């Protein structure tokens, strides 16, 4: 996302998805 690209992220682990969402939100980065 550094250069303004849009990002979709996937993970089999629901727990990992929750951490990925938190990391993105904490850094004010939009990740689906």
ModelCIF file with pLDDT and N, C-alpha, C, O atoms, coordinates in Angstrom:
data_MODEL
#
_entry.id   MODEL 
#
_entity.id                         1 
_entity.type                       polymer 
_entity.pdbx_number_of_molecules   1 
#
_entity_poly.entity_id                      1 
_entity_poly.type                           'polypeptide(L)' 
_entity_poly.nstd_linkage                   no 
_entity_poly.nstd_monomer                   no 
_entity_poly.pdbx_seq_one_letter_code       
;(UNK)(UNK)(UNK)(UNK)(UNK)(UNK)(UNK)(UNK)(UNK)(UNK)(UNK)(UNK)(UNK)(UNK)(UNK)(UNK)
(UNK)(UNK)(UNK)(UNK)(UNK)(UNK)(UNK)(UNK)(UNK)(UNK)(UNK)(UNK)(UNK)(UNK)(UNK)(UNK)
;
_entity_poly.pdbx_seq_one_letter_code_can   XXXXXXXXXXXXXXXXXXXXXXXXXXXXXXXX 
_entity_poly.pdbx_strand_id                 A 
#
loop_
_entity_poly_seq.entity_id 
_entity_poly_seq.num 
_entity_poly_seq.mon_id 
_entity_poly_seq.hetero 
1 1  UNK n 
1 2  UNK n 
1 3  UNK n 
1 4  UNK n 
1 5  UNK n 
1 6  UNK n 
1 7  UNK n 
1 8  UNK n 
1 9  UNK n 
1 10 UNK n 
1 11 UNK n 
1 12 UNK n 
1 13 UNK n 
1 14 UNK n 
1 15 UNK n 
1 16 UNK n 
1 17 UNK n 
1 18 UNK n 
1 19 UNK n 
1 20 UNK n 
1 21 UNK n 
1 22 UNK n 
1 23 UNK n 
1 24 UNK n 
1 25 UNK n 
1 26 UNK n 
1 27 UNK n 
1 28 UNK n 
1 29 UNK n 
1 30 UNK n 
1 31 UNK n 
1 32 UNK n 
#
_struct_asym.id          A 
_struct_asym.entity_id   1 
#
loop_
_ma_qa_metric.id 
_ma_qa_metric.mode 
_ma_qa_metric.name 
_ma_qa_metric.software_group_id 
_ma_qa_metric.type 
1 global pLDDT . pLDDT 
2 local  pLDDT . pLDDT 
#
_ma_qa_metric_global.metric_id      1 
_ma_qa_metric_global.metric_value   96.12 
_ma_qa_metric_global.model_id       1 
_ma_qa_metric_global.ordinal_id     1 
#
loop_
_ma_qa_metric_local.label_asym_id 
_ma_qa_metric_local.label_comp_id 
_ma_qa_metric_local.label_seq_id 
_ma_qa_metric_local.metric_id 
_ma_qa_metric_local.metric_value 
_ma_qa_metric_local.model_id 
_ma_qa_metric_local.ordinal_id 
A UNK 1  2 95.00 1 1  
A UNK 2  2 93.00 1 2  
A UNK 3  2 91.00 1 3  
A UNK 4  2 91.00 1 4  
A UNK 5  2 93.00 1 5  
A UNK 6  2 96.00 1 6  
A UNK 7  2 97.00 1 7  
A UNK 8  2 98.00 1 8  
A UNK 9  2 98.00 1 9  
A UNK 10 2 97.00 1 10 
A UNK 11 2 96.00 1 11 
A UNK 12 2 94.00 1 12 
A UNK 13 2 94.00 1 13 
A UNK 14 2 95.00 1 14 
A UNK 15 2 96.00 1 15 
A UNK 16 2 96.00 1 16 
A UNK 17 2 97.00 1 17 
A UNK 18 2 97.00 1 18 
A UNK 19 2 97.00 1 19 
A UNK 20 2 97.00 1 20 
A UNK 21 2 98.00 1 21 
A UNK 22 2 98.00 1 22 
A UNK 23 2 98.00 1 23 
A UNK 24 2 98.00 1 24 
A UNK 25 2 97.00 1 25 
A UNK 26 2 98.00 1 26 
A UNK 27 2 97.00 1 27 
A UNK 28 2 96.00 1 28 
A UNK 29 2 97.00 1 29 
A UNK 30 2 96.00 1 30 
A UNK 31 2 97.00 1 31 
A UNK 32 2 98.00 1 32 
#
loop_
_atom_site.group_PDB 
_atom_site.id 
_atom_site.type_symbol 
_atom_site.label_atom_id 
_atom_site.label_alt_id 
_atom_site.label_comp_id 
_atom_site.label_asym_id 
_atom_site.label_entity_id 
_atom_site.label_seq_id 
_atom_site.pdbx_PDB_ins_code 
_atom_site.Cartn_x 
_atom_site.Cartn_y 
_atom_site.Cartn_z 
_atom_site.occupancy 
_atom_site.B_iso_or_equiv 
_atom_site.pdbx_formal_charge 
_atom_site.auth_seq_id 
_atom_site.auth_comp_id 
_atom_site.auth_asym_id 
_atom_site.auth_atom_id 
_atom_site.pdbx_PDB_model_num 
ATOM 1   N N  . UNK A 1 1  ? 0.808   -1.224  0.000  1.00 95.00 ? 1  UNK A N  1 
ATOM 2   C CA . UNK A 1 1  ? 0.000   0.000   0.000  1.00 95.00 ? 1  UNK A CA 1 
ATOM 3   C C  . UNK A 1 1  ? 0.838   1.270   0.000  1.00 95.00 ? 1  UNK A C  1 
ATOM 4   O O  . UNK A 1 1  ? 0.288   2.368   -0.088 1.00 95.00 ? 1  UNK A O  1 
ATOM 5   N N  . UNK A 1 2  ? 2.158   1.144   0.097  1.00 93.00 ? 2  UNK A N  1 
ATOM 6   C CA . UNK A 1 2  ? 3.014   2.341   0.230  1.00 93.00 ? 2  UNK A CA 1 
ATOM 7   C C  . UNK A 1 2  ? 2.814   3.343   -0.888 1.00 93.00 ? 2  UNK A C  1 
ATOM 8   O O  . UNK A 1 2  ? 2.854   4.551   -0.657 1.00 93.00 ? 2  UNK A O  1 
ATOM 9   N N  . UNK A 1 3  ? 2.595   2.845   -2.113 1.00 91.00 ? 3  UNK A N  1 
ATOM 10  C CA . UNK A 1 3  ? 2.552   3.733   -3.269 1.00 91.00 ? 3  UNK A CA 1 
ATOM 11  C C  . UNK A 1 3  ? 1.143   4.126   -3.679 1.00 91.00 ? 3  UNK A C  1 
ATOM 12  O O  . UNK A 1 3  ? 0.951   4.717   -4.741 1.00 91.00 ? 3  UNK A O  1 
ATOM 13  N N  . UNK A 1 4  ? 0.158   3.806   -2.854 1.00 91.00 ? 4  UNK A N  1 
ATOM 14  C CA . UNK A 1 4  ? -1.212  4.176   -3.175 1.00 91.00 ? 4  UNK A CA 1 
ATOM 15  C C  . UNK A 1 4  ? -1.995  3.085   -3.878 1.00 91.00 ? 4  UNK A C  1 
ATOM 16  O O  . UNK A 1 4  ? -3.089  3.338   -4.382 1.00 91.00 ? 4  UNK A O  1 
ATOM 17  N N  . UNK A 1 5  ? -1.450  1.869   -3.920 1.00 93.00 ? 5  UNK A N  1 
ATOM 18  C CA . UNK A 1 5  ? -2.177  0.759   -4.523 1.00 93.00 ? 5  UNK A CA 1 
ATOM 19  C C  . UNK A 1 5  ? -3.293  0.300   -3.597 1.00 93.00 ? 5  UNK A C  1 
ATOM 20  O O  . UNK A 1 5  ? -3.215  0.493   -2.384 1.00 93.00 ? 5  UNK A O  1 
ATOM 21  N N  . UNK A 1 6  ? -4.335  -0.307  -4.167 1.00 96.00 ? 6  UNK A N  1 
ATOM 22  C CA . UNK A 1 6  ? -5.388  -0.905  -3.354 1.00 96.00 ? 6  UNK A CA 1 
ATOM 23  C C  . UNK A 1 6  ? -4.993  -2.343  -3.037 1.00 96.00 ? 6  UNK A C  1 
ATOM 24  O O  . UNK A 1 6  ? -4.372  -3.011  -3.864 1.00 96.00 ? 6  UNK A O  1 
ATOM 25  N N  . UNK A 1 7  ? -5.347  -2.824  -1.843 1.00 97.00 ? 7  UNK A N  1 
ATOM 26  C CA . UNK A 1 7  ? -4.857  -4.108  -1.369 1.00 97.00 ? 7  UNK A CA 1 
ATOM 27  C C  . UNK A 1 7  ? -6.001  -4.972  -0.848 1.00 97.00 ? 7  UNK A C  1 
ATOM 28  O O  . UNK A 1 7  ? -6.843  -4.529  -0.067 1.00 97.00 ? 7  UNK A O  1 
ATOM 29  N N  . UNK A 1 8  ? -6.000  -6.224  -1.310 1.00 98.00 ? 8  UNK A N  1 
ATOM 30  C CA . UNK A 1 8  ? -6.851  -7.276  -0.756 1.00 98.00 ? 8  UNK A CA 1 
ATOM 31  C C  . UNK A 1 8  ? -5.920  -8.276  -0.082 1.00 98.00 ? 8  UNK A C  1 
ATOM 32  O O  . UNK A 1 8  ? -4.869  -8.610  -0.629 1.00 98.00 ? 8  UNK A O  1 
ATOM 33  N N  . UNK A 1 9  ? -6.296  -8.757  1.098  1.00 98.00 ? 9  UNK A N  1 
ATOM 34  C CA . UNK A 1 9  ? -5.469  -9.721  1.830  1.00 98.00 ? 9  UNK A CA 1 
ATOM 35  C C  . UNK A 1 9  ? -6.309  -10.934 2.188  1.00 98.00 ? 9  UNK A C  1 
ATOM 36  O O  . UNK A 1 9  ? -7.478  -10.803 2.551  1.00 98.00 ? 9  UNK A O  1 
ATOM 37  N N  . UNK A 1 10 ? -5.702  -12.132 2.084  1.00 97.00 ? 10 UNK A N  1 
ATOM 38  C CA . UNK A 1 10 ? -6.408  -13.350 2.447  1.00 97.00 ? 10 UNK A CA 1 
ATOM 39  C C  . UNK A 1 10 ? -5.582  -14.166 3.432  1.00 97.00 ? 10 UNK A C  1 
ATOM 40  O O  . UNK A 1 10 ? -4.352  -14.112 3.425  1.00 97.00 ? 10 UNK A O  1 
ATOM 41  N N  . UNK A 1 11 ? -6.273  -14.923 4.279  1.00 96.00 ? 11 UNK A N  1 
ATOM 42  C CA . UNK A 1 11 ? -5.604  -15.871 5.159  1.00 96.00 ? 11 UNK A CA 1 
ATOM 43  C C  . UNK A 1 11 ? -6.624  -16.911 5.604  1.00 96.00 ? 11 UNK A C  1 
ATOM 44  O O  . UNK A 1 11 ? -7.781  -16.594 5.880  1.00 96.00 ? 11 UNK A O  1 
ATOM 45  N N  . UNK A 1 12 ? -6.174  -18.149 5.666  1.00 94.00 ? 12 UNK A N  1 
ATOM 46  C CA . UNK A 1 12 ? -7.050  -19.226 6.121  1.00 94.00 ? 12 UNK A CA 1 
ATOM 47  C C  . UNK A 1 12 ? -7.452  -19.049 7.583  1.00 94.00 ? 12 UNK A C  1 
ATOM 48  O O  . UNK A 1 12 ? -8.549  -19.433 7.987  1.00 94.00 ? 12 UNK A O  1 
ATOM 49  N N  . UNK A 1 13 ? -6.543  -18.459 8.374  1.00 94.00 ? 13 UNK A N  1 
ATOM 50  C CA . UNK A 1 13 ? -6.766  -18.292 9.807  1.00 94.00 ? 13 UNK A CA 1 
ATOM 51  C C  . UNK A 1 13 ? -7.617  -17.055 10.095 1.00 94.00 ? 13 UNK A C  1 
ATOM 52  O O  . UNK A 1 13 ? -7.244  -15.938 9.737  1.00 94.00 ? 13 UNK A O  1 
ATOM 53  N N  . UNK A 1 14 ? -8.753  -17.263 10.739 1.00 95.00 ? 14 UNK A N  1 
ATOM 54  C CA . UNK A 1 14 ? -9.582  -16.122 11.137 1.00 95.00 ? 14 UNK A CA 1 
ATOM 55  C C  . UNK A 1 14 ? -8.819  -15.250 12.127 1.00 95.00 ? 14 UNK A C  1 
ATOM 56  O O  . UNK A 1 14 ? -8.974  -14.029 12.136 1.00 95.00 ? 14 UNK A O  1 
ATOM 57  N N  . UNK A 1 15 ? -7.997  -15.878 12.955 1.00 96.00 ? 15 UNK A N  1 
ATOM 58  C CA . UNK A 1 15 ? -7.206  -15.120 13.932 1.00 96.00 ? 15 UNK A CA 1 
ATOM 59  C C  . UNK A 1 15 ? -6.208  -14.213 13.209 1.00 96.00 ? 15 UNK A C  1 
ATOM 60  O O  . UNK A 1 15 ? -6.047  -13.046 13.566 1.00 96.00 ? 15 UNK A O  1 
ATOM 61  N N  . UNK A 1 16 ? -5.554  -14.751 12.210 1.00 96.00 ? 16 UNK A N  1 
ATOM 62  C CA . UNK A 1 16 ? -4.620  -13.933 11.440 1.00 96.00 ? 16 UNK A CA 1 
ATOM 63  C C  . UNK A 1 16 ? -5.341  -12.784 10.751 1.00 96.00 ? 16 UNK A C  1 
ATOM 64  O O  . UNK A 1 16 ? -4.827  -11.665 10.715 1.00 96.00 ? 16 UNK A O  1 
ATOM 65  N N  . UNK A 1 17 ? -6.514  -13.042 10.210 1.00 97.00 ? 17 UNK A N  1 
ATOM 66  C CA . UNK A 1 17 ? -7.284  -11.974 9.567  1.00 97.00 ? 17 UNK A CA 1 
ATOM 67  C C  . UNK A 1 17 ? -7.576  -10.844 10.551 1.00 97.00 ? 17 UNK A C  1 
ATOM 68  O O  . UNK A 1 17 ? -7.519  -9.669  10.188 1.00 97.00 ? 17 UNK A O  1 
ATOM 69  N N  . UNK A 1 18 ? -7.890  -11.200 11.796 1.00 97.00 ? 18 UNK A N  1 
ATOM 70  C CA . UNK A 1 18 ? -8.162  -10.171 12.802 1.00 97.00 ? 18 UNK A CA 1 
ATOM 71  C C  . UNK A 1 18 ? -6.922  -9.337  13.076 1.00 97.00 ? 18 UNK A C  1 
ATOM 72  O O  . UNK A 1 18 ? -7.012  -8.116  13.202 1.00 97.00 ? 18 UNK A O  1 
ATOM 73  N N  . UNK A 1 19 ? -5.763  -9.985  13.171 1.00 97.00 ? 19 UNK A N  1 
ATOM 74  C CA . UNK A 1 19 ? -4.526  -9.234  13.383 1.00 97.00 ? 19 UNK A CA 1 
ATOM 75  C C  . UNK A 1 19 ? -4.197  -8.363  12.171 1.00 97.00 ? 19 UNK A C  1 
ATOM 76  O O  . UNK A 1 19 ? -3.745  -7.229  12.332 1.00 97.00 ? 19 UNK A O  1 
ATOM 77  N N  . UNK A 1 20 ? -4.420  -8.881  10.958 1.00 97.00 ? 20 UNK A N  1 
ATOM 78  C CA . UNK A 1 20 ? -4.145  -8.090  9.759  1.00 97.00 ? 20 UNK A CA 1 
ATOM 79  C C  . UNK A 1 20 ? -5.032  -6.853  9.703  1.00 97.00 ? 20 UNK A C  1 
ATOM 80  O O  . UNK A 1 20 ? -4.585  -5.773  9.316  1.00 97.00 ? 20 UNK A O  1 
ATOM 81  N N  . UNK A 1 21 ? -6.289  -7.022  10.090 1.00 98.00 ? 21 UNK A N  1 
ATOM 82  C CA . UNK A 1 21 ? -7.190  -5.860  10.116 1.00 98.00 ? 21 UNK A CA 1 
ATOM 83  C C  . UNK A 1 21 ? -6.724  -4.837  11.139 1.00 98.00 ? 21 UNK A C  1 
ATOM 84  O O  . UNK A 1 21 ? -6.755  -3.634  10.882 1.00 98.00 ? 21 UNK A O  1 
ATOM 85  N N  . UNK A 1 22 ? -6.291  -5.318  12.301 1.00 98.00 ? 22 UNK A N  1 
ATOM 86  C CA . UNK A 1 22 ? -5.850  -4.391  13.346 1.00 98.00 ? 22 UNK A CA 1 
ATOM 87  C C  . UNK A 1 22 ? -4.587  -3.647  12.894 1.00 98.00 ? 22 UNK A C  1 
ATOM 88  O O  . UNK A 1 22 ? -4.495  -2.430  13.054 1.00 98.00 ? 22 UNK A O  1 
ATOM 89  N N  . UNK A 1 23 ? -3.619  -4.374  12.332 1.00 98.00 ? 23 UNK A N  1 
ATOM 90  C CA . UNK A 1 23 ? -2.392  -3.727  11.859 1.00 98.00 ? 23 UNK A CA 1 
ATOM 91  C C  . UNK A 1 23 ? -2.705  -2.656  10.825 1.00 98.00 ? 23 UNK A C  1 
ATOM 92  O O  . UNK A 1 23 ? -2.153  -1.557  10.876 1.00 98.00 ? 23 UNK A O  1 
ATOM 93  N N  . UNK A 1 24 ? -3.594  -2.978  9.885  1.00 98.00 ? 24 UNK A N  1 
ATOM 94  C CA . UNK A 1 24 ? -3.951  -2.001  8.851  1.00 98.00 ? 24 UNK A CA 1 
ATOM 95  C C  . UNK A 1 24 ? -4.639  -0.787  9.469  1.00 98.00 ? 24 UNK A C  1 
ATOM 96  O O  . UNK A 1 24 ? -4.306  0.352   9.142  1.00 98.00 ? 24 UNK A O  1 
ATOM 97  N N  . UNK A 1 25 ? -5.597  -1.029  10.361 1.00 97.00 ? 25 UNK A N  1 
ATOM 98  C CA . UNK A 1 25 ? -6.339  0.081   10.969 1.00 97.00 ? 25 UNK A CA 1 
ATOM 99  C C  . UNK A 1 25 ? -5.433  0.952   11.829 1.00 97.00 ? 25 UNK A C  1 
ATOM 100 O O  . UNK A 1 25 ? -5.558  2.176   11.817 1.00 97.00 ? 25 UNK A O  1 
ATOM 101 N N  . UNK A 1 26 ? -4.521  0.333   12.574 1.00 98.00 ? 26 UNK A N  1 
ATOM 102 C CA . UNK A 1 26 ? -3.622  1.104   13.429 1.00 98.00 ? 26 UNK A CA 1 
ATOM 103 C C  . UNK A 1 26 ? -2.763  2.050   12.607 1.00 98.00 ? 26 UNK A C  1 
ATOM 104 O O  . UNK A 1 26 ? -2.423  3.144   13.059 1.00 98.00 ? 26 UNK A O  1 
ATOM 105 N N  . UNK A 1 27 ? -2.412  1.629   11.400 1.00 97.00 ? 27 UNK A N  1 
ATOM 106 C CA . UNK A 1 27 ? -1.558  2.446   10.539 1.00 97.00 ? 27 UNK A CA 1 
ATOM 107 C C  . UNK A 1 27 ? -2.357  3.281   9.541  1.00 97.00 ? 27 UNK A C  1 
ATOM 108 O O  . UNK A 1 27 ? -1.792  3.904   8.641  1.00 97.00 ? 27 UNK A O  1 
ATOM 109 N N  . UNK A 1 28 ? -3.683  3.283   9.715  1.00 96.00 ? 28 UNK A N  1 
ATOM 110 C CA . UNK A 1 28 ? -4.575  4.062   8.859  1.00 96.00 ? 28 UNK A CA 1 
ATOM 111 C C  . UNK A 1 28 ? -4.392  3.687   7.385  1.00 96.00 ? 28 UNK A C  1 
ATOM 112 O O  . UNK A 1 28 ? -4.357  4.550   6.508  1.00 96.00 ? 28 UNK A O  1 
ATOM 113 N N  . UNK A 1 29 ? -4.278  2.383   7.136  1.00 97.00 ? 29 UNK A N  1 
ATOM 114 C CA . UNK A 1 29 ? -4.128  1.841   5.788  1.00 97.00 ? 29 UNK A CA 1 
ATOM 115 C C  . UNK A 1 29 ? -5.376  1.027   5.460  1.00 97.00 ? 29 UNK A C  1 
ATOM 116 O O  . UNK A 1 29 ? -5.828  0.221   6.273  1.00 97.00 ? 29 UNK A O  1 
ATOM 117 N N  . UNK A 1 30 ? -5.925  1.239   4.282  1.00 96.00 ? 30 UNK A N  1 
ATOM 118 C CA . UNK A 1 30 ? -7.155  0.548   3.876  1.00 96.00 ? 30 UNK A CA 1 
ATOM 119 C C  . UNK A 1 30 ? -6.800  -0.795  3.237  1.00 96.00 ? 30 UNK A C  1 
ATOM 120 O O  . UNK A 1 30 ? -6.212  -0.824  2.156  1.00 96.00 ? 30 UNK A O  1 
ATOM 121 N N  . UNK A 1 31 ? -7.147  -1.899  3.885  1.00 97.00 ? 31 UNK A N  1 
ATOM 122 C CA . UNK A 1 31 ? -6.907  -3.241  3.361  1.00 97.00 ? 31 UNK A CA 1 
ATOM 123 C C  . UNK A 1 31 ? -8.203  -4.040  3.479  1.00 97.00 ? 31 UNK A C  1 
ATOM 124 O O  . UNK A 1 31 ? -8.834  -4.069  4.536  1.00 97.00 ? 31 UNK A O  1 
ATOM 125 N N  . UNK A 1 32 ? -8.587  -4.683  2.390  1.00 98.00 ? 32 UNK A N  1 
ATOM 126 C CA . UNK A 1 32 ? -9.778  -5.541  2.361  1.00 98.00 ? 32 UNK A CA 1 
ATOM 127 C C  . UNK A 1 32 ? -9.328  -6.952  2.746  1.00 98.00 ? 32 UNK A C  1 
ATOM 128 O O  . UNK A 1 32 ? -10.148 -7.870  2.796  1.00 98.00 ? 32 UNK A O  1 
#
